[in-house]
PDB file of N, CA and C in Angstrom:
ATOM      1  N   UNK A   1      -8.439  12.514   4.559  1.00  0.00           N
ATOM      2  CA  UNK A   1      -7.022  12.544   4.313  1.00  0.00           C
ATOM      3  C   UNK A   1      -6.788  12.250   2.859  1.00  0.00           C
ATOM      4  N   UNK A   2      -5.769  12.827   2.280  1.00  0.00           N
ATOM      5  CA  UNK A   2      -5.411  12.602   0.890  1.00  0.00           C
ATOM      6  C   UNK A   2      -3.986  12.100   0.815  1.00  0.00           C
ATOM      7  N   UNK A   3      -3.780  11.077   0.005  1.00  0.00           N
ATOM      8  CA  UNK A   3      -2.444  10.624  -0.335  1.00  0.00           C
ATOM      9  C   UNK A   3      -2.281  10.977  -1.798  1.00  0.00           C
ATOM     10  N   UNK A   4      -1.355  11.867  -2.080  1.00  0.00           N
ATOM     11  CA  UNK A   4      -1.216  12.396  -3.429  1.00  0.00           C
ATOM     12  C   UNK A   4       0.146  11.993  -3.973  1.00  0.00           C
ATOM     13  N   UNK A   5       0.149  11.424  -5.161  1.00  0.00           N
ATOM     14  CA  UNK A   5       1.400  11.061  -5.810  1.00  0.00           C
ATOM     15  C   UNK A   5       2.145  12.316  -6.221  1.00  0.00           C
ATOM     16  N   UNK A   6       3.444  12.277  -6.145  1.00  0.00           N
ATOM     17  CA  UNK A   6       4.246  13.416  -6.579  1.00  0.00           C
ATOM     18  C   UNK A   6       4.595  13.325  -8.054  1.00  0.00           C
ATOM     19  N   UNK A   7       4.337  12.170  -8.674  1.00  0.00           N
ATOM     20  CA  UNK A   7       4.594  12.016 -10.105  1.00  0.00           C
ATOM     21  C   UNK A   7       3.510  12.732 -10.881  1.00  0.00           C
ATOM     22  N   UNK A   8       3.881  13.491 -11.875  1.00  0.00           N
ATOM     23  CA  UNK A   8       2.877  14.170 -12.694  1.00  0.00           C
ATOM     24  C   UNK A   8       2.108  13.140 -13.499  1.00  0.00           C
ATOM     25  N   UNK A   9       0.833  13.399 -13.679  1.00  0.00           N
ATOM     26  CA  UNK A   9       0.007  12.496 -14.454  1.00  0.00           C
ATOM     27  C   UNK A   9      -0.624  11.377 -13.656  1.00  0.00           C
ATOM     28  N   UNK A  10      -0.263  11.223 -12.402  1.00  0.00           N
ATOM     29  CA  UNK A  10      -0.845  10.182 -11.562  1.00  0.00           C
ATOM     30  C   UNK A  10      -1.982  10.820 -10.767  1.00  0.00           C
ATOM     31  N   UNK A  11      -3.189  10.250 -10.845  1.00  0.00           N
ATOM     32  CA  UNK A  11      -4.316  10.857 -10.141  1.00  0.00           C
ATOM     33  C   UNK A  11      -4.193  10.741  -8.623  1.00  0.00           C
ATOM     34  N   UNK A  12      -4.908  11.602  -7.946  1.00  0.00           N
ATOM     35  CA  UNK A  12      -4.934  11.593  -6.491  1.00  0.00           C
ATOM     36  C   UNK A  12      -5.635  10.348  -5.974  1.00  0.00           C
ATOM     37  N   UNK A  13      -5.216   9.914  -4.808  1.00  0.00           N
ATOM     38  CA  UNK A  13      -5.905   8.839  -4.101  1.00  0.00           C
ATOM     39  C   UNK A  13      -6.418   9.432  -2.798  1.00  0.00           C
ATOM     40  N   UNK A  14      -7.724   9.417  -2.642  1.00  0.00           N
ATOM     41  CA  UNK A  14      -8.345   9.888  -1.413  1.00  0.00           C
ATOM     42  C   UNK A  14      -8.696   8.673  -0.565  1.00  0.00           C
ATOM     43  N   UNK A  15      -8.407   8.738   0.718  1.00  0.00           N
ATOM     44  CA  UNK A  15      -8.753   7.660   1.640  1.00  0.00           C
ATOM     45  C   UNK A  15      -9.868   8.171   2.532  1.00  0.00           C
ATOM     46  N   UNK A  16     -10.975   7.462   2.517  1.00  0.00           N
ATOM     47  CA  UNK A  16     -12.137   7.853   3.312  1.00  0.00           C
ATOM     48  C   UNK A  16     -12.589   6.662   4.140  1.00  0.00           C
ATOM     49  N   UNK A  17     -13.125   6.964   5.302  1.00  0.00           N
ATOM     50  CA  UNK A  17     -13.679   5.925   6.174  1.00  0.00           C
ATOM     51  C   UNK A  17     -15.177   5.846   5.937  1.00  0.00           C
ATOM     52  N   UNK A  18     -15.715   4.628   5.920  1.00  0.00           N
ATOM     53  CA  UNK A  18     -17.148   4.444   5.749  1.00  0.00           C
ATOM     54  C   UNK A  18     -17.665   3.456   6.784  1.00  0.00           C
ATOM     55  N   UNK A  19     -18.869   3.727   7.267  1.00  0.00           N
ATOM     56  CA  UNK A  19     -19.521   2.817   8.201  1.00  0.00           C
ATOM     57  C   UNK A  19     -20.393   1.809   7.456  1.00  0.00           C
ATOM     58  N   UNK A  20     -20.383   1.851   6.126  1.00  0.00           N
ATOM     59  CA  UNK A  20     -21.152   0.895   5.330  1.00  0.00           C
ATOM     60  C   UNK A  20     -20.609  -0.512   5.515  1.00  0.00           C
ATOM     61  N   UNK A  21     -21.506  -1.476   5.514  1.00  0.00           N
ATOM     62  CA  UNK A  21     -21.121  -2.883   5.601  1.00  0.00           C
ATOM     63  C   UNK A  21     -20.756  -3.347   4.196  1.00  0.00           C
ATOM     64  N   UNK A  22     -19.527  -3.774   4.001  1.00  0.00           N
ATOM     65  CA  UNK A  22     -19.098  -4.262   2.690  1.00  0.00           C
ATOM     66  C   UNK A  22     -18.688  -5.730   2.769  1.00  0.00           C
ATOM     67  N   UNK A  23     -19.336  -6.449   3.674  1.00  0.00           N
ATOM     68  CA  UNK A  23     -19.076  -7.884   3.795  1.00  0.00           C
ATOM     69  C   UNK A  23     -17.701  -8.163   4.367  1.00  0.00           C
ATOM     70  N   UNK A  24     -17.005  -9.089   3.753  1.00  0.00           N
ATOM     71  CA  UNK A  24     -15.700  -9.486   4.270  1.00  0.00           C
ATOM     72  C   UNK A  24     -14.571  -8.550   3.843  1.00  0.00           C
ATOM     73  N   UNK A  25     -14.874  -7.603   2.968  1.00  0.00           N
ATOM     74  CA  UNK A  25     -13.850  -6.666   2.508  1.00  0.00           C
ATOM     75  C   UNK A  25     -13.563  -5.594   3.559  1.00  0.00           C
ATOM     76  N   UNK A  26     -12.313  -5.170   3.627  1.00  0.00           N
ATOM     77  CA  UNK A  26     -11.969  -4.043   4.500  1.00  0.00           C
ATOM     78  C   UNK A  26     -12.027  -2.731   3.743  1.00  0.00           C
ATOM     79  N   UNK A  27     -11.984  -2.799   2.412  1.00  0.00           N
ATOM     80  CA  UNK A  27     -11.973  -1.571   1.628  1.00  0.00           C
ATOM     81  C   UNK A  27     -12.391  -1.860   0.200  1.00  0.00           C
ATOM     82  N   UNK A  28     -12.705  -0.768  -0.505  1.00  0.00           N
ATOM     83  CA  UNK A  28     -13.009  -0.858  -1.935  1.00  0.00           C
ATOM     84  C   UNK A  28     -12.709   0.485  -2.591  1.00  0.00           C
ATOM     85  N   UNK A  29     -12.397   0.426  -3.886  1.00  0.00           N
ATOM     86  CA  UNK A  29     -12.088   1.627  -4.651  1.00  0.00           C
ATOM     87  C   UNK A  29     -13.332   2.133  -5.354  1.00  0.00           C
ATOM     88  N   UNK A  30     -13.445   3.464  -5.424  1.00  0.00           N
ATOM     89  CA  UNK A  30     -14.510   4.108  -6.180  1.00  0.00           C
ATOM     90  C   UNK A  30     -13.901   5.287  -6.930  1.00  0.00           C
ATOM     91  N   UNK A  31     -13.904   5.313  -8.232  1.00  0.00           N
ATOM     92  CA  UNK A  31     -14.313   4.239  -9.117  1.00  0.00           C
ATOM     93  C   UNK A  31     -13.335   3.070  -9.022  1.00  0.00           C
ATOM     94  N   UNK A  32     -13.721   1.906  -9.568  1.00  0.00           N
ATOM     95  CA  UNK A  32     -12.860   0.721  -9.448  1.00  0.00           C
ATOM     96  C   UNK A  32     -11.464   0.900 -10.049  1.00  0.00           C
ATOM     97  N   UNK A  33     -11.359   1.709 -11.083  1.00  0.00           N
ATOM     98  CA  UNK A  33     -10.061   1.985 -11.718  1.00  0.00           C
ATOM     99  C   UNK A  33      -9.746   3.466 -11.579  1.00  0.00           C
ATOM    100  N   UNK A  34      -8.460   3.825 -11.417  1.00  0.00           N
ATOM    101  CA  UNK A  34      -8.101   5.240 -11.313  1.00  0.00           C
ATOM    102  C   UNK A  34      -8.531   6.014 -12.554  1.00  0.00           C
ATOM    103  N   UNK A  35      -9.021   7.214 -12.341  1.00  0.00           N
ATOM    104  CA  UNK A  35      -9.442   8.065 -13.448  1.00  0.00           C
ATOM    105  C   UNK A  35      -8.752   9.411 -13.380  1.00  0.00           C
ATOM    106  N   UNK A  36      -9.039  10.294 -14.316  1.00  0.00           N
ATOM    107  CA  UNK A  36      -8.388  11.609 -14.341  1.00  0.00           C
ATOM    108  C   UNK A  36      -8.726  12.457 -13.119  1.00  0.00           C
ATOM    109  N   UNK A  37      -9.866  12.179 -12.485  1.00  0.00           N
ATOM    110  CA  UNK A  37     -10.257  12.924 -11.287  1.00  0.00           C
ATOM    111  C   UNK A  37      -9.807  12.239 -10.008  1.00  0.00           C
ATOM    112  N   UNK A  38      -8.971  11.228 -10.131  1.00  0.00           N
ATOM    113  CA  UNK A  38      -8.495  10.510  -8.971  1.00  0.00           C
ATOM    114  C   UNK A  38      -9.376   9.330  -8.631  1.00  0.00           C
ATOM    115  N   UNK A  39      -9.184   8.832  -7.433  1.00  0.00           N
ATOM    116  CA  UNK A  39      -9.872   7.635  -6.986  1.00  0.00           C
ATOM    117  C   UNK A  39      -9.986   7.709  -5.469  1.00  0.00           C
ATOM    118  N   UNK A  40     -11.065   7.141  -4.941  1.00  0.00           N
ATOM    119  CA  UNK A  40     -11.254   7.091  -3.493  1.00  0.00           C
ATOM    120  C   UNK A  40     -11.167   5.651  -3.031  1.00  0.00           C
ATOM    121  N   UNK A  41     -10.398   5.432  -1.981  1.00  0.00           N
ATOM    122  CA  UNK A  41     -10.358   4.130  -1.322  1.00  0.00           C
ATOM    123  C   UNK A  41     -11.218   4.260  -0.074  1.00  0.00           C
ATOM    124  N   UNK A  42     -12.330   3.562  -0.053  1.00  0.00           N
ATOM    125  CA  UNK A  42     -13.232   3.565   1.101  1.00  0.00           C
ATOM    126  C   UNK A  42     -12.833   2.435   2.027  1.00  0.00           C
ATOM    127  N   UNK A  43     -12.530   2.761   3.273  1.00  0.00           N
ATOM    128  CA  UNK A  43     -12.129   1.776   4.272  1.00  0.00           C
ATOM    129  C   UNK A  43     -13.317   1.562   5.209  1.00  0.00           C
ATOM    130  N   UNK A  44     -13.748   0.312   5.317  1.00  0.00           N
ATOM    131  CA  UNK A  44     -14.936  -0.055   6.093  1.00  0.00           C
ATOM    132  C   UNK A  44     -14.576  -0.204   7.571  1.00  0.00           C
ATOM    133  N   UNK A  45     -14.916   0.804   8.356  1.00  0.00           N
ATOM    134  CA  UNK A  45     -14.524   0.804   9.768  1.00  0.00           C
ATOM    135  C   UNK A  45     -15.307  -0.188  10.612  1.00  0.00           C
ATOM    136  N   UNK A  46     -16.393  -0.743  10.074  1.00  0.00           N
ATOM    137  CA  UNK A  46     -17.146  -1.748  10.832  1.00  0.00           C
ATOM    138  C   UNK A  46     -16.616  -3.161  10.591  1.00  0.00           C
ATOM    139  N   UNK A  47     -15.571  -3.275   9.798  1.00  0.00           N
ATOM    140  CA  UNK A  47     -14.953  -4.584   9.585  1.00  0.00           C
ATOM    141  C   UNK A  47     -14.424  -5.084  10.930  1.00  0.00           C
ATOM    142  N   UNK A  48     -14.554  -6.384  11.208  1.00  0.00           N
ATOM    143  CA  UNK A  48     -14.127  -6.912  12.510  1.00  0.00           C
ATOM    144  C   UNK A  48     -12.666  -6.648  12.872  1.00  0.00           C
ATOM    145  N   UNK A  49     -11.818  -6.404  11.895  1.00  0.00           N
ATOM    146  CA  UNK A  49     -10.409  -6.117  12.217  1.00  0.00           C
ATOM    147  C   UNK A  49     -10.179  -4.644  12.546  1.00  0.00           C
ATOM    148  N   UNK A  50     -11.146  -3.778  12.240  1.00  0.00           N
ATOM    149  CA  UNK A  50     -10.973  -2.342  12.467  1.00  0.00           C
ATOM    150  C   UNK A  50     -11.861  -1.788  13.578  1.00  0.00           C
ATOM    151  N   UNK A  51     -13.073  -2.298  13.694  1.00  0.00           N
ATOM    152  CA  UNK A  51     -14.032  -1.751  14.665  1.00  0.00           C
ATOM    153  C   UNK A  51     -13.520  -1.757  16.103  1.00  0.00           C
ATOM    154  N   UNK A  52     -12.875  -2.830  16.581  1.00  0.00           N
ATOM    155  CA  UNK A  52     -12.378  -2.782  17.962  1.00  0.00           C
ATOM    156  C   UNK A  52     -11.336  -1.681  18.198  1.00  0.00           C
ATOM    157  N   UNK A  53     -10.662  -1.264  17.141  1.00  0.00           N
ATOM    158  CA  UNK A  53      -9.625  -0.244  17.278  1.00  0.00           C
ATOM    159  C   UNK A  53     -10.182   1.170  17.171  1.00  0.00           C
ATOM    160  N   UNK A  54     -11.123   1.369  16.254  1.00  0.00           N
ATOM    161  CA  UNK A  54     -11.686   2.714  16.076  1.00  0.00           C
ATOM    162  C   UNK A  54     -12.828   2.973  17.052  1.00  0.00           C
ATOM    163  N   UNK A  55     -13.530   1.918  17.457  1.00  0.00           N
ATOM    164  CA  UNK A  55     -14.673   1.940  18.377  1.00  0.00           C
ATOM    165  C   UNK A  55     -15.906   2.530  17.687  1.00  0.00           C
ATOM    166  N   UNK A  56     -17.071   2.163  18.182  1.00  0.00           N
ATOM    167  CA  UNK A  56     -18.351   2.610  17.601  1.00  0.00           C
ATOM    168  C   UNK A  56     -18.439   4.137  17.524  1.00  0.00           C
ATOM    169  N   UNK A  57     -17.912   4.823  18.541  1.00  0.00           N
ATOM    170  CA  UNK A  57     -18.003   6.285  18.572  1.00  0.00           C
ATOM    171  C   UNK A  57     -16.830   6.966  17.845  1.00  0.00           C
ATOM    172  N   UNK A  58     -15.987   6.162  17.203  1.00  0.00           N
ATOM    173  CA  UNK A  58     -14.817   6.614  16.453  1.00  0.00           C
ATOM    174  C   UNK A  58     -13.778   7.314  17.326  1.00  0.00           C
ATOM    175  N   UNK A  59     -13.832   7.069  18.630  1.00  0.00           N
ATOM    176  CA  UNK A  59     -12.879   7.706  19.542  1.00  0.00           C
ATOM    177  C   UNK A  59     -11.453   7.194  19.350  1.00  0.00           C
ATOM    178  N   UNK A  60     -11.284   6.050  18.702  1.00  0.00           N
ATOM    179  CA  UNK A  60      -9.946   5.514  18.471  1.00  0.00           C
ATOM    180  C   UNK A  60      -9.348   5.881  17.125  1.00  0.00           C
ATOM    181  N   UNK A  61     -10.009   6.777  16.403  1.00  0.00           N
ATOM    182  CA  UNK A  61      -9.593   7.095  15.033  1.00  0.00           C
ATOM    183  C   UNK A  61      -8.157   7.597  14.930  1.00  0.00           C
ATOM    184  N   UNK A  62      -7.674   8.298  15.925  1.00  0.00           N
ATOM    185  CA  UNK A  62      -6.334   8.878  15.835  1.00  0.00           C
ATOM    186  C   UNK A  62      -5.306   8.152  16.699  1.00  0.00           C
ATOM    187  N   UNK A  63      -5.661   6.959  17.173  1.00  0.00           N
ATOM    188  CA  UNK A  63      -4.708   6.185  17.973  1.00  0.00           C
ATOM    189  C   UNK A  63      -3.690   5.498  17.066  1.00  0.00           C
ATOM    190  N   UNK A  64      -2.501   5.258  17.579  1.00  0.00           N
ATOM    191  CA  UNK A  64      -1.496   4.549  16.771  1.00  0.00           C
ATOM    192  C   UNK A  64      -1.984   3.154  16.341  1.00  0.00           C
ATOM    193  N   UNK A  65      -2.758   2.504  17.183  1.00  0.00           N
ATOM    194  CA  UNK A  65      -3.247   1.156  16.859  1.00  0.00           C
ATOM    195  C   UNK A  65      -4.164   1.187  15.629  1.00  0.00           C
ATOM    196  N   UNK A  66      -5.113   2.117  15.611  1.00  0.00           N
ATOM    197  CA  UNK A  66      -6.013   2.202  14.459  1.00  0.00           C
ATOM    198  C   UNK A  66      -5.261   2.674  13.228  1.00  0.00           C
ATOM    199  N   UNK A  67      -4.387   3.661  13.385  1.00  0.00           N
ATOM    200  CA  UNK A  67      -3.655   4.191  12.234  1.00  0.00           C
ATOM    201  C   UNK A  67      -2.765   3.102  11.614  1.00  0.00           C
ATOM    202  N   UNK A  68      -2.210   2.222  12.460  1.00  0.00           N
ATOM    203  CA  UNK A  68      -1.407   1.109  11.957  1.00  0.00           C
ATOM    204  C   UNK A  68      -2.273   0.142  11.165  1.00  0.00           C
ATOM    205  N   UNK A  69      -3.441  -0.207  11.700  1.00  0.00           N
ATOM    206  CA  UNK A  69      -4.362  -1.101  10.989  1.00  0.00           C
ATOM    207  C   UNK A  69      -4.853  -0.446   9.696  1.00  0.00           C
ATOM    208  N   UNK A  70      -5.092   0.848   9.723  1.00  0.00           N
ATOM    209  CA  UNK A  70      -5.517   1.581   8.528  1.00  0.00           C
ATOM    210  C   UNK A  70      -4.426   1.526   7.462  1.00  0.00           C
ATOM    211  N   UNK A  71      -3.177   1.720   7.872  1.00  0.00           N
ATOM    212  CA  UNK A  71      -2.056   1.646   6.920  1.00  0.00           C
ATOM    213  C   UNK A  71      -2.000   0.264   6.275  1.00  0.00           C
ATOM    214  N   UNK A  72      -2.221  -0.771   7.064  1.00  0.00           N
ATOM    215  CA  UNK A  72      -2.216  -2.132   6.521  1.00  0.00           C
ATOM    216  C   UNK A  72      -3.363  -2.337   5.533  1.00  0.00           C
ATOM    217  N   UNK A  73      -4.545  -1.825   5.848  1.00  0.00           N
ATOM    218  CA  UNK A  73      -5.696  -1.964   4.951  1.00  0.00           C
ATOM    219  C   UNK A  73      -5.446  -1.232   3.633  1.00  0.00           C
ATOM    220  N   UNK A  74      -4.855  -0.049   3.700  1.00  0.00           N
ATOM    221  CA  UNK A  74      -4.556   0.729   2.496  1.00  0.00           C
ATOM    222  C   UNK A  74      -3.500   0.010   1.661  1.00  0.00           C
ATOM    223  N   UNK A  75      -2.423  -0.446   2.286  1.00  0.00           N
ATOM    224  CA  UNK A  75      -1.361  -1.146   1.558  1.00  0.00           C
ATOM    225  C   UNK A  75      -1.888  -2.434   0.930  1.00  0.00           C
ATOM    226  N   UNK A  76      -2.744  -3.133   1.647  1.00  0.00           N
ATOM    227  CA  UNK A  76      -3.345  -4.359   1.128  1.00  0.00           C
ATOM    228  C   UNK A  76      -4.167  -4.070  -0.134  1.00  0.00           C
ATOM    229  N   UNK A  77      -4.986  -3.029  -0.091  1.00  0.00           N
ATOM    230  CA  UNK A  77      -5.828  -2.667  -1.238  1.00  0.00           C
ATOM    231  C   UNK A  77      -4.986  -2.237  -2.434  1.00  0.00           C
ATOM    232  N   UNK A  78      -3.977  -1.419  -2.191  1.00  0.00           N
ATOM    233  CA  UNK A  78      -3.117  -0.964  -3.279  1.00  0.00           C
ATOM    234  C   UNK A  78      -2.334  -2.127  -3.889  1.00  0.00           C
ATOM    235  N   UNK A  79      -1.855  -3.031  -3.050  1.00  0.00           N
ATOM    236  CA  UNK A  79      -1.126  -4.203  -3.542  1.00  0.00           C
ATOM    237  C   UNK A  79      -2.016  -5.073  -4.409  1.00  0.00           C
ATOM    238  N   UNK A  80      -3.242  -5.305  -3.953  1.00  0.00           N
ATOM    239  CA  UNK A  80      -4.187  -6.111  -4.738  1.00  0.00           C
ATOM    240  C   UNK A  80      -4.479  -5.449  -6.078  1.00  0.00           C
ATOM    241  N   UNK A  81      -4.625  -4.123  -6.075  1.00  0.00           N
ATOM    242  CA  UNK A  81      -4.898  -3.400  -7.315  1.00  0.00           C
ATOM    243  C   UNK A  81      -3.719  -3.533  -8.288  1.00  0.00           C
ATOM    244  N   UNK A  82      -2.494  -3.456  -7.773  1.00  0.00           N
ATOM    245  CA  UNK A  82      -1.315  -3.591  -8.629  1.00  0.00           C
ATOM    246  C   UNK A  82      -1.202  -4.991  -9.226  1.00  0.00           C
ATOM    247  N   UNK A  83      -1.441  -6.022  -8.420  1.00  0.00           N
ATOM    248  CA  UNK A  83      -1.367  -7.395  -8.918  1.00  0.00           C
ATOM    249  C   UNK A  83      -2.443  -7.619  -9.977  1.00  0.00           C
ATOM    250  N   UNK A  84      -3.635  -7.100  -9.722  1.00  0.00           N
ATOM    251  CA  UNK A  84      -4.724  -7.234 -10.700  1.00  0.00           C
ATOM    252  C   UNK A  84      -4.331  -6.591 -12.024  1.00  0.00           C
ATOM    253  N   UNK A  85      -3.751  -5.400 -11.958  1.00  0.00           N
ATOM    254  CA  UNK A  85      -3.351  -4.691 -13.173  1.00  0.00           C
ATOM    255  C   UNK A  85      -2.247  -5.453 -13.911  1.00  0.00           C
ATOM    256  N   UNK A  86      -1.294  -6.011 -13.174  1.00  0.00           N
ATOM    257  CA  UNK A  86      -0.197  -6.763 -13.789  1.00  0.00           C
ATOM    258  C   UNK A  86      -0.695  -7.999 -14.536  1.00  0.00           C
ATOM    259  N   UNK A  87      -1.752  -8.607 -14.050  1.00  0.00           N
ATOM    260  CA  UNK A  87      -2.189  -9.897 -14.580  1.00  0.00           C
ATOM    261  C   UNK A  87      -3.602  -9.863 -15.159  1.00  0.00           C
ATOM    262  N   UNK A  88      -4.048  -8.708 -15.595  1.00  0.00           N
ATOM    263  CA  UNK A  88      -5.423  -8.611 -16.082  1.00  0.00           C
ATOM    264  C   UNK A  88      -5.640  -9.336 -17.403  1.00  0.00           C
ATOM    265  N   UNK A  89      -4.596  -9.588 -18.151  1.00  0.00           N
ATOM    266  CA  UNK A  89      -4.772 -10.235 -19.448  1.00  0.00           C
ATOM    267  C   UNK A  89      -4.330 -11.690 -19.456  1.00  0.00           C
ATOM    268  N   UNK A  90      -3.886 -12.206 -18.328  1.00  0.00           N
ATOM    269  CA  UNK A  90      -3.444 -13.592 -18.287  1.00  0.00           C
ATOM    270  C   UNK A  90      -3.792 -14.204 -16.936  1.00  0.00           C
ATOM    271  N   UNK A  91      -4.055 -15.502 -16.925  1.00  0.00           N
ATOM    272  CA  UNK A  91      -4.338 -16.144 -15.640  1.00  0.00           C
ATOM    273  C   UNK A  91      -3.089 -16.133 -14.756  1.00  0.00           C
ATOM    274  N   UNK A  92      -3.312 -16.228 -13.461  1.00  0.00           N
ATOM    275  CA  UNK A  92      -2.204 -16.216 -12.513  1.00  0.00           C
ATOM    276  C   UNK A  92      -2.381 -17.377 -11.536  1.00  0.00           C
ATOM    277  N   UNK A  93      -1.308 -18.078 -11.265  1.00  0.00           N
ATOM    278  CA  UNK A  93      -1.349 -19.172 -10.300  1.00  0.00           C
ATOM    279  C   UNK A  93      -1.411 -18.591  -8.898  1.00  0.00           C
ATOM    280  N   UNK A  94      -2.023 -19.324  -7.997  1.00  0.00           N
ATOM    281  CA  UNK A  94      -2.216 -18.838  -6.627  1.00  0.00           C
ATOM    282  C   UNK A  94      -0.895 -18.489  -5.957  1.00  0.00           C
ATOM    283  N   UNK A  95       0.124 -19.307  -6.129  1.00  0.00           N
ATOM    284  CA  UNK A  95       1.402 -19.012  -5.467  1.00  0.00           C
ATOM    285  C   UNK A  95       2.014 -17.727  -6.002  1.00  0.00           C
ATOM    286  N   UNK A  96       1.887 -17.498  -7.296  1.00  0.00           N
ATOM    287  CA  UNK A  96       2.399 -16.260  -7.893  1.00  0.00           C
ATOM    288  C   UNK A  96       1.598 -15.070  -7.387  1.00  0.00           C
ATOM    289  N   UNK A  97       0.287 -15.237  -7.305  1.00  0.00           N
ATOM    290  CA  UNK A  97      -0.580 -14.164  -6.809  1.00  0.00           C
ATOM    291  C   UNK A  97      -0.157 -13.731  -5.407  1.00  0.00           C
ATOM    292  N   UNK A  98      -0.031 -14.685  -4.502  1.00  0.00           N
ATOM    293  CA  UNK A  98       0.347 -14.342  -3.125  1.00  0.00           C
ATOM    294  C   UNK A  98       1.751 -13.768  -3.044  1.00  0.00           C
ATOM    295  N   UNK A  99       2.660 -14.296  -3.853  1.00  0.00           N
ATOM    296  CA  UNK A  99       4.031 -13.800  -3.848  1.00  0.00           C
ATOM    297  C   UNK A  99       4.096 -12.353  -4.336  1.00  0.00           C
ATOM    298  N   UNK A 100       3.432 -12.054  -5.463  1.00  0.00           N
ATOM    299  CA  UNK A 100       3.435 -10.692  -5.997  1.00  0.00           C
ATOM    300  C   UNK A 100       2.741  -9.720  -5.036  1.00  0.00           C
ATOM    301  N   UNK A 101       1.634 -10.171  -4.432  1.00  0.00           N
ATOM    302  CA  UNK A 101       0.922  -9.328  -3.471  1.00  0.00           C
ATOM    303  C   UNK A 101       1.853  -8.999  -2.302  1.00  0.00           C
ATOM    304  N   UNK A 102       2.546  -9.997  -1.782  1.00  0.00           N
ATOM    305  CA  UNK A 102       3.463  -9.782  -0.653  1.00  0.00           C
ATOM    306  C   UNK A 102       4.612  -8.855  -1.038  1.00  0.00           C
ATOM    307  N   UNK A 103       5.115  -8.994  -2.259  1.00  0.00           N
ATOM    308  CA  UNK A 103       6.192  -8.106  -2.709  1.00  0.00           C
ATOM    309  C   UNK A 103       5.727  -6.651  -2.746  1.00  0.00           C
ATOM    310  N   UNK A 104       4.557  -6.438  -3.318  1.00  0.00           N
ATOM    311  CA  UNK A 104       4.023  -5.070  -3.389  1.00  0.00           C
ATOM    312  C   UNK A 104       3.771  -4.520  -1.989  1.00  0.00           C
ATOM    313  N   UNK A 105       3.167  -5.325  -1.137  1.00  0.00           N
ATOM    314  CA  UNK A 105       2.840  -4.858   0.207  1.00  0.00           C
ATOM    315  C   UNK A 105       4.106  -4.525   0.993  1.00  0.00           C
ATOM    316  N   UNK A 106       5.153  -5.301   0.796  1.00  0.00           N
ATOM    317  CA  UNK A 106       6.423  -5.039   1.478  1.00  0.00           C
ATOM    318  C   UNK A 106       6.990  -3.671   1.089  1.00  0.00           C
ATOM    319  N   UNK A 107       6.790  -3.274  -0.166  1.00  0.00           N
ATOM    320  CA  UNK A 107       7.276  -1.969  -0.622  1.00  0.00           C
ATOM    321  C   UNK A 107       6.352  -0.834  -0.183  1.00  0.00           C
ATOM    322  N   UNK A 108       5.047  -1.072  -0.251  1.00  0.00           N
ATOM    323  CA  UNK A 108       4.068  -0.007  -0.026  1.00  0.00           C
ATOM    324  C   UNK A 108       3.829   0.279   1.452  1.00  0.00           C
ATOM    325  N   UNK A 109       3.762  -0.751   2.270  1.00  0.00           N
ATOM    326  CA  UNK A 109       3.364  -0.569   3.671  1.00  0.00           C
ATOM    327  C   UNK A 109       4.234   0.429   4.436  1.00  0.00           C
ATOM    328  N   UNK A 110       5.557   0.361   4.360  1.00  0.00           N
ATOM    329  CA  UNK A 110       6.349   1.349   5.111  1.00  0.00           C
ATOM    330  C   UNK A 110       6.067   2.794   4.703  1.00  0.00           C
ATOM    331  N   UNK A 111       5.799   3.014   3.434  1.00  0.00           N
ATOM    332  CA  UNK A 111       5.488   4.370   2.950  1.00  0.00           C
ATOM    333  C   UNK A 111       4.161   4.840   3.533  1.00  0.00           C
ATOM    334  N   UNK A 112       3.151   3.982   3.465  1.00  0.00           N
ATOM    335  CA  UNK A 112       1.830   4.322   4.001  1.00  0.00           C
ATOM    336  C   UNK A 112       1.904   4.522   5.516  1.00  0.00           C
ATOM    337  N   UNK A 113       2.689   3.696   6.197  1.00  0.00           N
ATOM    338  CA  UNK A 113       2.833   3.861   7.648  1.00  0.00           C
ATOM    339  C   UNK A 113       3.437   5.217   7.988  1.00  0.00           C
ATOM    340  N   UNK A 114       4.437   5.658   7.215  1.00  0.00           N
ATOM    341  CA  UNK A 114       5.040   6.975   7.489  1.00  0.00           C
ATOM    342  C   UNK A 114       4.015   8.085   7.332  1.00  0.00           C
ATOM    343  N   UNK A 115       3.082   7.932   6.404  1.00  0.00           N
ATOM    344  CA  UNK A 115       2.070   8.959   6.175  1.00  0.00           C
ATOM    345  C   UNK A 115       0.980   8.933   7.260  1.00  0.00           C
ATOM    346  N   UNK A 116       0.561   7.740   7.654  1.00  0.00           N
ATOM    347  CA  UNK A 116      -0.604   7.621   8.527  1.00  0.00           C
ATOM    348  C   UNK A 116      -0.313   7.505  10.017  1.00  0.00           C
ATOM    349  N   UNK A 117       0.865   7.079  10.364  1.00  0.00           N
ATOM    350  CA  UNK A 117       1.148   6.854  11.798  1.00  0.00           C
ATOM    351  C   UNK A 117       1.941   8.025  12.375  1.00  0.00           C
TER     352      UNK A 117
END
């Protein structure tokens, strides 16, 4: 699946599922920063919050339950990326970090849900 920005000059974001074990993370970007060729967000389907919904055989991939969890994982990753970009040159207090992350997620999640659910 592809989520493509309608703004000119913004690279494509591809969302891909991976069975790779990435530890406690639910997703990661490749490359880490957006580039002219776009960026891929790899979502780790073996993460304990996703595997029960998608199932080992991936039979739950198109269920509303998995698609909802996928939307949350995507919004979470995008929110974290935005907060990181906002504060890359200065330290950030934990309360500010969580507040900014929640603000971004509140804006992004409904959009991602409309696309994925």
